[in-house]
Amino acid sequence: MSISPDKREVTRNNRQIKLTFTEFEILLLLAQNAGMVFSKEKIYNIVWKEPYFGDYNIVMSHIRNLRGKIEDNPSKPIYIQTVWGVGYRFNKNLSSGL
């Protein structure tokens, strides 16, 4: 997968993946910090640029949509990994092309 922050483009297998603004921001945050675990609260604070008030569903919904677009099998994600009880991280063993 290749992520171009300047062009706001994501490509995988020579195919451009269309992401919403928020999906791109979440993917970029995780990929630029591969291996680092981000809580839903931290993702919300950084991407939405406002204090987090406990609505986990919005972050989880965007992660689910993002996985549906970038993963071969969204139910067994390779790129965006869940760290149970903590949050999410980008797989540090994969290249994001950043």
Protein backbone atom coordinates (compact mmCIF):
# COMPACT_ATOMS: atom_id res chain seq x y z
CA MET A 1 0.00 0.00 0.00
CA SER A 2 1.17 3.51 -0.75
CA ILE A 3 -0.07 6.63 1.02
CA SER A 4 0.65 10.06 -0.45
CA PRO A 5 -0.10 12.73 2.18
CA ASP A 6 0.49 15.60 -0.26
CA LYS A 7 -1.96 14.24 -2.83
CA ARG A 8 -4.21 12.66 -0.18
CA GLU A 9 -4.18 9.44 -2.19
CA VAL A 10 -3.98 5.81 -1.18
CA THR A 11 -3.12 3.10 -3.68
CA ARG A 12 -2.91 -0.64 -3.25
CA ASN A 13 -2.12 -3.18 -5.98
CA ASN A 14 -1.97 -0.30 -8.50
CA ARG A 15 -5.54 0.67 -7.63
CA GLN A 16 -6.53 3.97 -6.07
CA ILE A 17 -8.67 3.62 -2.96
CA LYS A 18 -11.25 6.33 -2.36
CA LEU A 19 -11.38 7.40 1.27
CA THR A 20 -13.37 10.05 3.06
CA PHE A 21 -11.47 12.92 4.69
CA THR A 22 -11.76 11.32 8.13
CA GLU A 23 -10.81 7.82 6.94
CA PHE A 24 -7.68 9.25 5.31
CA GLU A 25 -6.75 11.17 8.47
CA ILE A 26 -7.09 8.06 10.63
CA LEU A 27 -5.08 5.92 8.19
CA LEU A 28 -2.36 8.56 7.91
CA LEU A 29 -2.13 8.93 11.70
CA LEU A 30 -1.76 5.19 12.23
CA ALA A 31 0.60 4.60 9.27
CA GLN A 32 2.92 7.48 10.21
CA ASN A 33 3.20 5.93 13.67
CA ALA A 34 3.32 2.25 12.68
CA GLY A 35 3.45 -0.06 15.67
CA MET A 36 2.26 2.63 18.09
CA VAL A 37 -1.09 1.89 19.72
CA PHE A 38 -3.70 4.66 19.73
CA SER A 39 -6.78 4.56 21.95
CA LYS A 40 -10.12 5.51 20.45
CA GLU A 41 -9.95 8.63 22.61
CA LYS A 42 -6.54 9.64 21.26
CA ILE A 43 -7.60 9.00 17.63
CA TYR A 44 -10.69 11.13 18.20
CA ASN A 45 -8.75 13.99 19.82
CA ILE A 46 -6.16 14.10 17.01
CA VAL A 47 -8.42 13.57 13.98
CA TRP A 48 -11.49 15.53 15.08
CA LYS A 49 -9.39 18.20 16.83
CA GLU A 50 -11.80 18.45 19.74
CA PRO A 51 -12.11 16.88 23.18
CA TYR A 52 -13.32 13.31 23.33
CA PHE A 53 -16.67 12.77 25.07
CA GLY A 54 -16.88 8.97 25.11
CA ASP A 55 -18.59 8.21 21.78
CA TYR A 56 -16.55 5.14 20.83
CA ASN A 57 -18.92 4.27 18.01
CA ILE A 58 -17.79 7.04 15.68
CA VAL A 59 -14.13 5.96 15.78
CA MET A 60 -15.04 2.27 15.53
CA SER A 61 -17.36 2.99 12.60
CA HIS A 62 -14.63 4.80 10.67
CA ILE A 63 -12.11 2.02 11.39
CA ARG A 64 -14.63 -0.57 10.16
CA ASN A 65 -15.27 1.41 6.95
CA LEU A 66 -11.54 1.94 6.43
CA ARG A 67 -10.81 -1.76 6.84
CA GLY A 68 -13.54 -2.54 4.33
CA LYS A 69 -11.71 -0.44 1.77
CA ILE A 70 -8.06 -1.39 2.38
CA GLU A 71 -8.10 -4.95 3.70
CA ASP A 72 -8.46 -8.14 1.65
CA ASN A 73 -10.46 -9.65 4.50
CA PRO A 74 -11.78 -6.92 6.83
CA SER A 75 -12.69 -9.50 9.50
CA LYS A 76 -9.01 -10.55 9.64
CA PRO A 77 -7.22 -7.22 9.19
CA ILE A 78 -3.56 -7.10 8.24
CA TYR A 79 -2.97 -3.32 8.08
CA ILE A 80 -5.02 -1.90 10.95
CA GLN A 81 -4.74 -4.16 13.95
CA THR A 82 -6.91 -4.12 17.06
CA VAL A 83 -5.08 -4.21 20.38
CA TRP A 84 -7.86 -5.54 22.59
CA GLY A 85 -8.76 -3.29 25.48
CA VAL A 86 -6.36 -0.58 24.28
CA GLY A 87 -7.02 0.63 20.71
CA TYR A 88 -5.62 0.35 17.20
CA ARG A 89 -2.25 0.32 15.48
CA PHE A 90 -0.87 0.08 11.95
CA ASN A 91 1.09 -3.14 11.42
CA LYS A 92 4.74 -2.08 11.74
CA ASN A 93 5.83 -5.06 9.60
CA LEU A 94 4.06 -3.66 6.52
CA SER A 95 5.16 -0.76 4.37
CA SER A 96 2.82 2.18 3.91
CA GLY A 97 5.02 3.77 1.28
CA LEU A 98 5.20 7.00 3.28
